[in-house]
């Protein structure tokens, strides 16, 4: 579990999205690391780091593939600045914004081929 600033995350999604529009399913790679969430473009060396406002304790990085456009739509729908993010390789990603819980769609291998 971590907390991240919504505005900073949306800015990073916008910037990294410039490199994903014509790439496989608008795929971006999210890496949950010690200092923050890194958003990466699979087609270039582009990456954006968004620092946590409240950091998780991690033994290893957690890496997940998401659709950039869907991620932006879901985060834009949140009406709070500080988002609580729960992530797990098996369970996926949940974002708590206010009284709502969003389940983010993680891309499967067949969706990025």
PDB file of N, CA and C in Angstrom:
ATOM      1  N   UNK A   1       0.835  -1.183   0.000  1.00  0.00           N
ATOM      2  CA  UNK A   1       0.000   0.000   0.000  1.00  0.00           C
ATOM      3  C   UNK A   1       0.876   1.241   0.000  1.00  0.00           C
ATOM      4  N   UNK A   2       0.502   2.212  -0.810  1.00  0.00           N
ATOM      5  CA  UNK A   2       1.217   3.485  -0.843  1.00  0.00           C
ATOM      6  C   UNK A   2       0.212   4.602  -1.072  1.00  0.00           C
ATOM      7  N   UNK A   3       0.672   5.825  -0.869  1.00  0.00           N
ATOM      8  CA  UNK A   3      -0.130   7.002  -1.179  1.00  0.00           C
ATOM      9  C   UNK A   3       0.641   7.809  -2.212  1.00  0.00           C
ATOM     10  N   UNK A   4      -0.097   8.320  -3.200  1.00  0.00           N
ATOM     11  CA  UNK A   4       0.541   9.077  -4.278  1.00  0.00           C
ATOM     12  C   UNK A   4      -0.337  10.272  -4.638  1.00  0.00           C
ATOM     13  N   UNK A   5       0.302  11.346  -5.088  1.00  0.00           N
ATOM     14  CA  UNK A   5      -0.410  12.561  -5.453  1.00  0.00           C
ATOM     15  C   UNK A   5      -1.059  12.396  -6.823  1.00  0.00           C
ATOM     16  N   UNK A   6      -2.351  12.629  -6.894  1.00  0.00           N
ATOM     17  CA  UNK A   6      -3.124  12.455  -8.119  1.00  0.00           C
ATOM     18  C   UNK A   6      -2.626  13.354  -9.252  1.00  0.00           C
ATOM     19  N   UNK A   7      -2.387  14.630  -8.959  1.00  0.00           N
ATOM     20  CA  UNK A   7      -1.956  15.582  -9.989  1.00  0.00           C
ATOM     21  C   UNK A   7      -0.604  15.185 -10.579  1.00  0.00           C
ATOM     22  N   UNK A   8       0.323  14.784  -9.727  1.00  0.00           N
ATOM     23  CA  UNK A   8       1.642  14.355 -10.217  1.00  0.00           C
ATOM     24  C   UNK A   8       1.528  13.092 -11.064  1.00  0.00           C
ATOM     25  N   UNK A   9       0.672  12.160 -10.629  1.00  0.00           N
ATOM     26  CA  UNK A   9       0.482  10.927 -11.397  1.00  0.00           C
ATOM     27  C   UNK A   9      -0.130  11.223 -12.760  1.00  0.00           C
ATOM     28  N   UNK A  10      -1.150  12.084 -12.806  1.00  0.00           N
ATOM     29  CA  UNK A  10      -1.769  12.432 -14.090  1.00  0.00           C
ATOM     30  C   UNK A  10      -0.779  13.114 -15.031  1.00  0.00           C
ATOM     31  N   UNK A  11       0.088  13.980 -14.497  1.00  0.00           N
ATOM     32  CA  UNK A  11       1.115  14.616 -15.325  1.00  0.00           C
ATOM     33  C   UNK A  11       2.063  13.599 -15.925  1.00  0.00           C
ATOM     34  N   UNK A  12       2.470  12.622 -15.125  1.00  0.00           N
ATOM     35  CA  UNK A  12       3.368  11.574 -15.620  1.00  0.00           C
ATOM     36  C   UNK A  12       2.675  10.711 -16.671  1.00  0.00           C
ATOM     37  N   UNK A  13       1.399  10.407 -16.451  1.00  0.00           N
ATOM     38  CA  UNK A  13       0.638   9.625 -17.436  1.00  0.00           C
ATOM     39  C   UNK A  13       0.553  10.380 -18.754  1.00  0.00           C
ATOM     40  N   UNK A  14       0.295  11.689 -18.706  1.00  0.00           N
ATOM     41  CA  UNK A  14       0.235  12.504 -19.928  1.00  0.00           C
ATOM     42  C   UNK A  14       1.561  12.470 -20.678  1.00  0.00           C
ATOM     43  N   UNK A  15       2.647  12.658 -19.944  1.00  0.00           N
ATOM     44  CA  UNK A  15       3.964  12.703 -20.605  1.00  0.00           C
ATOM     45  C   UNK A  15       4.361  11.353 -21.190  1.00  0.00           C
ATOM     46  N   UNK A  16       4.185  10.289 -20.436  1.00  0.00           N
ATOM     47  CA  UNK A  16       4.583   8.973 -20.943  1.00  0.00           C
ATOM     48  C   UNK A  16       3.623   8.503 -22.033  1.00  0.00           C
ATOM     49  N   UNK A  17       2.377   8.983 -21.970  1.00  0.00           N
ATOM     50  CA  UNK A  17       1.398   8.628 -22.981  1.00  0.00           C
ATOM     51  C   UNK A  17       1.758   9.105 -24.372  1.00  0.00           C
ATOM     52  N   UNK A  18       2.576  10.141 -24.459  1.00  0.00           N
ATOM     53  CA  UNK A  18       3.023  10.631 -25.765  1.00  0.00           C
ATOM     54  C   UNK A  18       3.796   9.564 -26.535  1.00  0.00           C
ATOM     55  N   UNK A  19       4.392   8.611 -25.821  1.00  0.00           N
ATOM     56  CA  UNK A  19       5.217   7.586 -26.451  1.00  0.00           C
ATOM     57  C   UNK A  19       4.491   6.259 -26.626  1.00  0.00           C
ATOM     58  N   UNK A  20       3.227   6.179 -26.253  1.00  0.00           N
ATOM     59  CA  UNK A  20       2.539   4.886 -26.276  1.00  0.00           C
ATOM     60  C   UNK A  20       1.344   4.835 -27.210  1.00  0.00           C
ATOM     61  N   UNK A  21       0.917   5.947 -27.762  1.00  0.00           N
ATOM     62  CA  UNK A  21      -0.349   5.983 -28.484  1.00  0.00           C
ATOM     63  C   UNK A  21      -0.453   4.979 -29.621  1.00  0.00           C
ATOM     64  N   UNK A  22       0.601   4.755 -30.362  1.00  0.00           N
ATOM     65  CA  UNK A  22       0.501   3.807 -31.475  1.00  0.00           C
ATOM     66  C   UNK A  22       1.142   2.472 -31.129  1.00  0.00           C
ATOM     67  N   UNK A  23       1.568   2.307 -29.885  1.00  0.00           N
ATOM     68  CA  UNK A  23       2.210   1.065 -29.479  1.00  0.00           C
ATOM     69  C   UNK A  23       1.181   0.099 -28.926  1.00  0.00           C
ATOM     70  N   UNK A  24       1.545  -1.154 -28.827  1.00  0.00           N
ATOM     71  CA  UNK A  24       0.690  -2.248 -28.383  1.00  0.00           C
ATOM     72  C   UNK A  24      -0.301  -1.862 -27.291  1.00  0.00           C
ATOM     73  N   UNK A  25      -1.562  -1.753 -27.637  1.00  0.00           N
ATOM     74  CA  UNK A  25      -2.650  -1.528 -26.684  1.00  0.00           C
ATOM     75  C   UNK A  25      -2.430  -0.349 -25.753  1.00  0.00           C
ATOM     76  N   UNK A  26      -1.702   0.662 -26.200  1.00  0.00           N
ATOM     77  CA  UNK A  26      -1.394   1.820 -25.348  1.00  0.00           C
ATOM     78  C   UNK A  26      -0.702   1.401 -24.058  1.00  0.00           C
ATOM     79  N   UNK A  27       0.074   0.359 -24.132  1.00  0.00           N
ATOM     80  CA  UNK A  27       0.705  -0.239 -22.962  1.00  0.00           C
ATOM     81  C   UNK A  27       1.737   0.684 -22.328  1.00  0.00           C
ATOM     82  N   UNK A  28       1.670   0.773 -20.993  1.00  0.00           N
ATOM     83  CA  UNK A  28       2.751   1.348 -20.206  1.00  0.00           C
ATOM     84  C   UNK A  28       3.093   0.341 -19.116  1.00  0.00           C
ATOM     85  N   UNK A  29       4.283   0.464 -18.602  1.00  0.00           N
ATOM     86  CA  UNK A  29       4.759  -0.419 -17.547  1.00  0.00           C
ATOM     87  C   UNK A  29       4.847   0.394 -16.269  1.00  0.00           C
ATOM     88  N   UNK A  30       4.185  -0.073 -15.214  1.00  0.00           N
ATOM     89  CA  UNK A  30       4.278   0.559 -13.897  1.00  0.00           C
ATOM     90  C   UNK A  30       5.210  -0.275 -13.039  1.00  0.00           C
ATOM     91  N   UNK A  31       6.186   0.396 -12.448  1.00  0.00           N
ATOM     92  CA  UNK A  31       7.126  -0.271 -11.551  1.00  0.00           C
ATOM     93  C   UNK A  31       6.992   0.376 -10.184  1.00  0.00           C
ATOM     94  N   UNK A  32       6.511  -0.390  -9.220  1.00  0.00           N
ATOM     95  CA  UNK A  32       6.409   0.080  -7.840  1.00  0.00           C
ATOM     96  C   UNK A  32       7.748  -0.226  -7.175  1.00  0.00           C
ATOM     97  N   UNK A  33       8.525   0.822  -6.896  1.00  0.00           N
ATOM     98  CA  UNK A  33       9.847   0.659  -6.308  1.00  0.00           C
ATOM     99  C   UNK A  33       9.925   1.291  -4.940  1.00  0.00           C
ATOM    100  N   UNK A  34      11.131   1.414  -4.424  1.00  0.00           N
ATOM    101  CA  UNK A  34      11.341   1.960  -3.084  1.00  0.00           C
ATOM    102  C   UNK A  34      10.955   3.427  -2.972  1.00  0.00           C
ATOM    103  N   UNK A  35      11.212   4.232  -4.022  1.00  0.00           N
ATOM    104  CA  UNK A  35      11.021   5.677  -3.948  1.00  0.00           C
ATOM    105  C   UNK A  35       9.728   6.187  -4.560  1.00  0.00           C
ATOM    106  N   UNK A  36       9.113   5.375  -5.416  1.00  0.00           N
ATOM    107  CA  UNK A  36       7.911   5.834  -6.085  1.00  0.00           C
ATOM    108  C   UNK A  36       7.493   4.872  -7.178  1.00  0.00           C
ATOM    109  N   UNK A  37       6.518   5.330  -7.953  1.00  0.00           N
ATOM    110  CA  UNK A  37       6.035   4.555  -9.093  1.00  0.00           C
ATOM    111  C   UNK A  37       6.713   5.106 -10.347  1.00  0.00           C
ATOM    112  N   UNK A  38       7.376   4.226 -11.080  1.00  0.00           N
ATOM    113  CA  UNK A  38       7.980   4.611 -12.344  1.00  0.00           C
ATOM    114  C   UNK A  38       7.071   4.135 -13.468  1.00  0.00           C
ATOM    115  N   UNK A  39       6.700   5.057 -14.341  1.00  0.00           N
ATOM    116  CA  UNK A  39       5.908   4.735 -15.521  1.00  0.00           C
ATOM    117  C   UNK A  39       6.873   4.674 -16.684  1.00  0.00           C
ATOM    118  N   UNK A  40       6.864   3.569 -17.429  1.00  0.00           N
ATOM    119  CA  UNK A  40       7.801   3.378 -18.533  1.00  0.00           C
ATOM    120  C   UNK A  40       7.059   3.102 -19.825  1.00  0.00           C
ATOM    121  N   UNK A  41       7.647   3.574 -20.903  1.00  0.00           N
ATOM    122  CA  UNK A  41       7.164   3.243 -22.238  1.00  0.00           C
ATOM    123  C   UNK A  41       7.925   2.013 -22.720  1.00  0.00           C
ATOM    124  N   UNK A  42       7.220   0.978 -23.191  1.00  0.00           N
ATOM    125  CA  UNK A  42       7.926  -0.203 -23.681  1.00  0.00           C
ATOM    126  C   UNK A  42       8.606   0.021 -25.029  1.00  0.00           C
ATOM    127  N   UNK A  43       8.229   1.086 -25.739  1.00  0.00           N
ATOM    128  CA  UNK A  43       8.773   1.310 -27.079  1.00  0.00           C
ATOM    129  C   UNK A  43       9.973   2.245 -27.092  1.00  0.00           C
ATOM    130  N   UNK A  44      10.229   2.946 -25.985  1.00  0.00           N
ATOM    131  CA  UNK A  44      11.369   3.861 -25.904  1.00  0.00           C
ATOM    132  C   UNK A  44      12.011   3.717 -24.532  1.00  0.00           C
ATOM    133  N   UNK A  45      13.052   4.482 -24.299  1.00  0.00           N
ATOM    134  CA  UNK A  45      13.689   4.486 -22.982  1.00  0.00           C
ATOM    135  C   UNK A  45      13.058   5.518 -22.056  1.00  0.00           C
ATOM    136  N   UNK A  46      11.911   6.039 -22.434  1.00  0.00           N
ATOM    137  CA  UNK A  46      11.252   7.072 -21.645  1.00  0.00           C
ATOM    138  C   UNK A  46      10.692   6.505 -20.345  1.00  0.00           C
ATOM    139  N   UNK A  47      10.860   7.285 -19.267  1.00  0.00           N
ATOM    140  CA  UNK A  47      10.341   6.881 -17.962  1.00  0.00           C
ATOM    141  C   UNK A  47      10.026   8.126 -17.147  1.00  0.00           C
ATOM    142  N   UNK A  48       9.035   8.018 -16.290  1.00  0.00           N
ATOM    143  CA  UNK A  48       8.621   9.098 -15.388  1.00  0.00           C
ATOM    144  C   UNK A  48       8.506   8.524 -13.985  1.00  0.00           C
ATOM    145  N   UNK A  49       9.144   9.161 -13.011  1.00  0.00           N
ATOM    146  CA  UNK A  49       9.046   8.743 -11.616  1.00  0.00           C
ATOM    147  C   UNK A  49       8.098   9.668 -10.876  1.00  0.00           C
ATOM    148  N   UNK A  50       7.131   9.082 -10.173  1.00  0.00           N
ATOM    149  CA  UNK A  50       6.228   9.830  -9.303  1.00  0.00           C
ATOM    150  C   UNK A  50       6.512   9.358  -7.887  1.00  0.00           C
ATOM    151  N   UNK A  51       7.033  10.257  -7.061  1.00  0.00           N
ATOM    152  CA  UNK A  51       7.389   9.889  -5.696  1.00  0.00           C
ATOM    153  C   UNK A  51       6.158   9.622  -4.852  1.00  0.00           C
ATOM    154  N   UNK A  52       6.303   8.686  -3.933  1.00  0.00           N
ATOM    155  CA  UNK A  52       5.232   8.396  -2.984  1.00  0.00           C
ATOM    156  C   UNK A  52       5.103   9.548  -1.998  1.00  0.00           C
ATOM    157  N   UNK A  53       3.893   9.804  -1.507  1.00  0.00           N
ATOM    158  CA  UNK A  53       3.729  10.695  -0.362  1.00  0.00           C
ATOM    159  C   UNK A  53       3.729   9.860   0.921  1.00  0.00           C
ATOM    160  N   UNK A  54       3.425   8.582   0.779  1.00  0.00           N
ATOM    161  CA  UNK A  54       3.540   7.606   1.860  1.00  0.00           C
ATOM    162  C   UNK A  54       4.004   6.314   1.209  1.00  0.00           C
ATOM    163  N   UNK A  55       5.203   5.865   1.568  1.00  0.00           N
ATOM    164  CA  UNK A  55       5.844   4.764   0.859  1.00  0.00           C
ATOM    165  C   UNK A  55       5.517   3.399   1.471  1.00  0.00           C
ATOM    166  N   UNK A  56       5.452   2.388   0.613  1.00  0.00           N
ATOM    167  CA  UNK A  56       5.265   1.025   1.103  1.00  0.00           C
ATOM    168  C   UNK A  56       6.612   0.424   1.512  1.00  0.00           C
ATOM    169  N   UNK A  57       6.562  -0.677   2.210  1.00  0.00           N
ATOM    170  CA  UNK A  57       7.769  -1.447   2.492  1.00  0.00           C
ATOM    171  C   UNK A  57       7.797  -2.584   1.482  1.00  0.00           C
ATOM    172  N   UNK A  58       8.806  -2.566   0.613  1.00  0.00           N
ATOM    173  CA  UNK A  58       8.887  -3.568  -0.443  1.00  0.00           C
ATOM    174  C   UNK A  58      10.133  -4.429  -0.279  1.00  0.00           C
ATOM    175  N   UNK A  59       9.991  -5.714  -0.546  1.00  0.00           N
ATOM    176  CA  UNK A  59      11.172  -6.571  -0.588  1.00  0.00           C
ATOM    177  C   UNK A  59      11.707  -6.637  -2.021  1.00  0.00           C
ATOM    178  N   UNK A  60      10.815  -6.486  -2.991  1.00  0.00           N
ATOM    179  CA  UNK A  60      11.177  -6.466  -4.412  1.00  0.00           C
ATOM    180  C   UNK A  60      10.283  -5.476  -5.141  1.00  0.00           C
ATOM    181  N   UNK A  61      10.744  -5.009  -6.293  1.00  0.00           N
ATOM    182  CA  UNK A  61       9.901  -4.169  -7.134  1.00  0.00           C
ATOM    183  C   UNK A  61       8.708  -4.977  -7.622  1.00  0.00           C
ATOM    184  N   UNK A  62       7.582  -4.300  -7.829  1.00  0.00           N
ATOM    185  CA  UNK A  62       6.391  -4.926  -8.402  1.00  0.00           C
ATOM    186  C   UNK A  62       6.167  -4.271  -9.761  1.00  0.00           C
ATOM    187  N   UNK A  63       6.063  -5.084 -10.809  1.00  0.00           N
ATOM    188  CA  UNK A  63       5.947  -4.579 -12.176  1.00  0.00           C
ATOM    189  C   UNK A  63       4.635  -5.059 -12.781  1.00  0.00           C
ATOM    190  N   UNK A  64       3.877  -4.113 -13.370  1.00  0.00           N
ATOM    191  CA  UNK A  64       2.603  -4.440 -14.012  1.00  0.00           C
ATOM    192  C   UNK A  64       2.430  -3.630 -15.286  1.00  0.00           C
ATOM    193  N   UNK A  65       1.751  -4.225 -16.267  1.00  0.00           N
ATOM    194  CA  UNK A  65       1.439  -3.552 -17.531  1.00  0.00           C
ATOM    195  C   UNK A  65       0.000  -3.065 -17.497  1.00  0.00           C
ATOM    196  N   UNK A  66      -0.192  -1.806 -17.916  1.00  0.00           N
ATOM    197  CA  UNK A  66      -1.532  -1.230 -17.951  1.00  0.00           C
ATOM    198  C   UNK A  66      -1.751  -0.486 -19.260  1.00  0.00           C
ATOM    199  N   UNK A  67      -3.014  -0.246 -19.577  1.00  0.00           N
ATOM    200  CA  UNK A  67      -3.391   0.571 -20.715  1.00  0.00           C
ATOM    201  C   UNK A  67      -3.335   2.029 -20.268  1.00  0.00           C
ATOM    202  N   UNK A  68      -2.518   2.821 -20.927  1.00  0.00           N
ATOM    203  CA  UNK A  68      -2.292   4.216 -20.536  1.00  0.00           C
ATOM    204  C   UNK A  68      -3.580   5.036 -20.575  1.00  0.00           C
ATOM    205  N   UNK A  69      -4.372   4.878 -21.631  1.00  0.00           N
ATOM    206  CA  UNK A  69      -5.609   5.663 -21.761  1.00  0.00           C
ATOM    207  C   UNK A  69      -6.617   5.310 -20.674  1.00  0.00           C
ATOM    208  N   UNK A  70      -6.774   4.015 -20.400  1.00  0.00           N
ATOM    209  CA  UNK A  70      -7.711   3.601 -19.354  1.00  0.00           C
ATOM    210  C   UNK A  70      -7.245   4.066 -17.978  1.00  0.00           C
ATOM    211  N   UNK A  71      -5.943   3.983 -17.741  1.00  0.00           N
ATOM    212  CA  UNK A  71      -5.404   4.445 -16.457  1.00  0.00           C
ATOM    213  C   UNK A  71      -5.700   5.918 -16.253  1.00  0.00           C
ATOM    214  N   UNK A  72      -5.481   6.726 -17.298  1.00  0.00           N
ATOM    215  CA  UNK A  72      -5.740   8.154 -17.189  1.00  0.00           C
ATOM    216  C   UNK A  72      -7.222   8.429 -16.911  1.00  0.00           C
ATOM    217  N   UNK A  73      -8.117   7.731 -17.612  1.00  0.00           N
ATOM    218  CA  UNK A  73      -9.552   7.921 -17.390  1.00  0.00           C
ATOM    219  C   UNK A  73      -9.939   7.587 -15.951  1.00  0.00           C
ATOM    220  N   UNK A  74      -9.400   6.495 -15.432  1.00  0.00           N
ATOM    221  CA  UNK A  74      -9.749   6.068 -14.077  1.00  0.00           C
ATOM    222  C   UNK A  74      -9.207   7.034 -13.025  1.00  0.00           C
ATOM    223  N   UNK A  75      -7.972   7.498 -13.187  1.00  0.00           N
ATOM    224  CA  UNK A  75      -7.378   8.417 -12.215  1.00  0.00           C
ATOM    225  C   UNK A  75      -8.041   9.790 -12.317  1.00  0.00           C
ATOM    226  N   UNK A  76      -8.397  10.221 -13.520  1.00  0.00           N
ATOM    227  CA  UNK A  76      -9.087  11.493 -13.705  1.00  0.00           C
ATOM    228  C   UNK A  76     -10.439  11.488 -12.985  1.00  0.00           C
ATOM    229  N   UNK A  77     -11.090  10.335 -12.917  1.00  0.00           N
ATOM    230  CA  UNK A  77     -12.391  10.232 -12.263  1.00  0.00           C
ATOM    231  C   UNK A  77     -12.306  10.407 -10.748  1.00  0.00           C
ATOM    232  N   UNK A  78     -11.135  10.248 -10.180  1.00  0.00           N
ATOM    233  CA  UNK A  78     -10.972  10.415  -8.732  1.00  0.00           C
ATOM    234  C   UNK A  78     -11.056  11.892  -8.371  1.00  0.00           C
ATOM    235  N   UNK A  79     -11.685  12.185  -7.245  1.00  0.00           N
ATOM    236  CA  UNK A  79     -11.870  13.578  -6.861  1.00  0.00           C
ATOM    237  C   UNK A  79     -11.077  13.968  -5.604  1.00  0.00           C
ATOM    238  N   UNK A  80     -10.070  13.172  -5.262  1.00  0.00           N
ATOM    239  CA  UNK A  80      -9.211  13.503  -4.125  1.00  0.00           C
ATOM    240  C   UNK A  80      -7.771  13.621  -4.610  1.00  0.00           C
ATOM    241  N   UNK A  81      -6.962  14.415  -3.924  1.00  0.00           N
ATOM    242  CA  UNK A  81      -5.574  14.624  -4.347  1.00  0.00           C
ATOM    243  C   UNK A  81      -4.638  13.486  -3.954  1.00  0.00           C
ATOM    244  N   UNK A  82      -4.858  12.900  -2.789  1.00  0.00           N
ATOM    245  CA  UNK A  82      -3.991  11.817  -2.338  1.00  0.00           C
ATOM    246  C   UNK A  82      -4.700  10.485  -2.538  1.00  0.00           C
ATOM    247  N   UNK A  83      -4.119   9.656  -3.395  1.00  0.00           N
ATOM    248  CA  UNK A  83      -4.712   8.366  -3.724  1.00  0.00           C
ATOM    249  C   UNK A  83      -4.011   7.259  -2.956  1.00  0.00           C
ATOM    250  N   UNK A  84      -4.778   6.395  -2.338  1.00  0.00           N
ATOM    251  CA  UNK A  84      -4.214   5.202  -1.718  1.00  0.00           C
ATOM    252  C   UNK A  84      -4.204   4.114  -2.776  1.00  0.00           C
ATOM    253  N   UNK A  85      -3.041   3.504  -2.982  1.00  0.00           N
ATOM    254  CA  UNK A  85      -2.891   2.491  -4.017  1.00  0.00           C
ATOM    255  C   UNK A  85      -2.468   1.177  -3.359  1.00  0.00           C
ATOM    256  N   UNK A  86      -3.254   0.142  -3.601  1.00  0.00           N
ATOM    257  CA  UNK A  86      -2.935  -1.204  -3.144  1.00  0.00           C
ATOM    258  C   UNK A  86      -2.522  -1.996  -4.369  1.00  0.00           C
ATOM    259  N   UNK A  87      -1.397  -2.674  -4.301  1.00  0.00           N
ATOM    260  CA  UNK A  87      -0.942  -3.425  -5.464  1.00  0.00           C
ATOM    261  C   UNK A  87      -0.356  -4.756  -5.047  1.00  0.00           C
ATOM    262  N   UNK A  88      -0.595  -5.735  -5.909  1.00  0.00           N
ATOM    263  CA  UNK A  88      -0.118  -7.087  -5.680  1.00  0.00           C
ATOM    264  C   UNK A  88      -0.078  -7.778  -7.037  1.00  0.00           C
ATOM    265  N   UNK A  89       0.954  -8.550  -7.278  1.00  0.00           N
ATOM    266  CA  UNK A  89       1.096  -9.218  -8.571  1.00  0.00           C
ATOM    267  C   UNK A  89      -0.109 -10.108  -8.857  1.00  0.00           C
ATOM    268  N   UNK A  90      -0.606 -10.799  -7.852  1.00  0.00           N
ATOM    269  CA  UNK A  90      -1.748 -11.698  -8.037  1.00  0.00           C
ATOM    270  C   UNK A  90      -3.082 -10.955  -8.082  1.00  0.00           C
ATOM    271  N   UNK A  91      -3.261  -9.979  -7.200  1.00  0.00           N
ATOM    272  CA  UNK A  91      -4.555  -9.305  -7.064  1.00  0.00           C
ATOM    273  C   UNK A  91      -4.714  -8.099  -7.982  1.00  0.00           C
ATOM    274  N   UNK A  92      -3.624  -7.570  -8.522  1.00  0.00           N
ATOM    275  CA  UNK A  92      -3.695  -6.399  -9.377  1.00  0.00           C
ATOM    276  C   UNK A  92      -3.580  -5.103  -8.588  1.00  0.00           C
ATOM    277  N   UNK A  93      -4.232  -4.055  -9.087  1.00  0.00           N
ATOM    278  CA  UNK A  93      -4.113  -2.723  -8.493  1.00  0.00           C
ATOM    279  C   UNK A  93      -5.495  -2.204  -8.126  1.00  0.00           C
ATOM    280  N   UNK A  94      -5.602  -1.682  -6.904  1.00  0.00           N
ATOM    281  CA  UNK A  94      -6.813  -1.012  -6.448  1.00  0.00           C
ATOM    282  C   UNK A  94      -6.433   0.402  -6.039  1.00  0.00           C
ATOM    283  N   UNK A  95      -7.276   1.357  -6.392  1.00  0.00           N
ATOM    284  CA  UNK A  95      -7.051   2.751  -6.003  1.00  0.00           C
ATOM    285  C   UNK A  95      -8.250   3.195  -5.175  1.00  0.00           C
ATOM    286  N   UNK A  96      -7.971   3.735  -3.997  1.00  0.00           N
ATOM    287  CA  UNK A  96      -9.018   4.269  -3.136  1.00  0.00           C
ATOM    288  C   UNK A  96      -9.023   5.780  -3.320  1.00  0.00           C
ATOM    289  N   UNK A  97     -10.161   6.301  -3.772  1.00  0.00           N
ATOM    290  CA  UNK A  97     -10.300   7.745  -3.904  1.00  0.00           C
ATOM    291  C   UNK A  97     -11.613   8.148  -3.247  1.00  0.00           C
ATOM    292  N   UNK A  98     -11.478   8.758  -2.092  1.00  0.00           N
ATOM    293  CA  UNK A  98     -12.668   9.106  -1.326  1.00  0.00           C
ATOM    294  C   UNK A  98     -13.357   7.847  -0.835  1.00  0.00           C
ATOM    295  N   UNK A  99     -14.643   7.734  -1.132  1.00  0.00           N
ATOM    296  CA  UNK A  99     -15.415   6.555  -0.731  1.00  0.00           C
ATOM    297  C   UNK A  99     -15.476   5.489  -1.817  1.00  0.00           C
ATOM    298  N   UNK A 100     -14.744   5.700  -2.899  1.00  0.00           N
ATOM    299  CA  UNK A 100     -14.776   4.764  -4.026  1.00  0.00           C
ATOM    300  C   UNK A 100     -13.518   3.916  -4.080  1.00  0.00           C
ATOM    301  N   UNK A 101     -13.682   2.702  -4.558  1.00  0.00           N
ATOM    302  CA  UNK A 101     -12.558   1.801  -4.784  1.00  0.00           C
ATOM    303  C   UNK A 101     -12.541   1.432  -6.262  1.00  0.00           C
ATOM    304  N   UNK A 102     -11.450   1.743  -6.942  1.00  0.00           N
ATOM    305  CA  UNK A 102     -11.311   1.424  -8.360  1.00  0.00           C
ATOM    306  C   UNK A 102     -10.400   0.226  -8.527  1.00  0.00           C
ATOM    307  N   UNK A 103     -10.827  -0.721  -9.338  1.00  0.00           N
ATOM    308  CA  UNK A 103      -9.992  -1.858  -9.697  1.00  0.00           C
ATOM    309  C   UNK A 103      -9.396  -1.545 -11.066  1.00  0.00           C
ATOM    310  N   UNK A 104      -8.075  -1.381 -11.127  1.00  0.00           N
ATOM    311  CA  UNK A 104      -7.443  -1.035 -12.392  1.00  0.00           C
ATOM    312  C   UNK A 104      -7.198  -2.287 -13.216  1.00  0.00           C
ATOM    313  N   UNK A 105      -7.447  -2.170 -14.494  1.00  0.00           N
ATOM    314  CA  UNK A 105      -7.295  -3.283 -15.412  1.00  0.00           C
ATOM    315  C   UNK A 105      -5.831  -3.458 -15.793  1.00  0.00           C
ATOM    316  N   UNK A 106      -5.284  -4.619 -15.443  1.00  0.00           N
ATOM    317  CA  UNK A 106      -3.904  -4.955 -15.780  1.00  0.00           C
ATOM    318  C   UNK A 106      -3.940  -5.754 -17.069  1.00  0.00           C
ATOM    319  N   UNK A 107      -3.024  -5.421 -18.006  1.00  0.00           N
ATOM    320  CA  UNK A 107      -2.991  -6.110 -19.290  1.00  0.00           C
ATOM    321  C   UNK A 107      -2.413  -7.514 -19.132  1.00  0.00           C
ATOM    322  N   UNK A 108      -3.054  -8.479 -19.765  1.00  0.00           N
ATOM    323  CA  UNK A 108      -2.525  -9.840 -19.815  1.00  0.00           C
ATOM    324  C   UNK A 108      -1.604  -9.969 -21.007  1.00  0.00           C
ATOM    325  N   UNK A 109      -0.841 -11.073 -21.068  1.00  0.00           N
ATOM    326  CA  UNK A 109       0.103 -11.266 -22.162  1.00  0.00           C
ATOM    327  C   UNK A 109      -0.564 -11.256 -23.520  1.00  0.00           C
ATOM    328  N   UNK A 110      -1.775 -11.808 -23.622  1.00  0.00           N
ATOM    329  CA  UNK A 110      -2.467 -11.838 -24.911  1.00  0.00           C
ATOM    330  C   UNK A 110      -2.938 -10.465 -25.359  1.00  0.00           C
ATOM    331  N   UNK A 111      -2.998  -9.500 -24.441  1.00  0.00           N
ATOM    332  CA  UNK A 111      -3.464  -8.164 -24.790  1.00  0.00           C
ATOM    333  C   UNK A 111      -2.328  -7.251 -25.244  1.00  0.00           C
ATOM    334  N   UNK A 112      -1.079  -7.670 -25.076  1.00  0.00           N
ATOM    335  CA  UNK A 112       0.040  -6.814 -25.450  1.00  0.00           C
ATOM    336  C   UNK A 112       0.863  -7.412 -26.570  1.00  0.00           C
ATOM    337  N   UNK A 113       0.474  -8.529 -27.090  1.00  0.00           N
ATOM    338  CA  UNK A 113       1.250  -9.173 -28.160  1.00  0.00           C
ATOM    339  C   UNK A 113       1.033  -8.484 -29.486  1.00  0.00           C
TER     340      UNK A 113
END
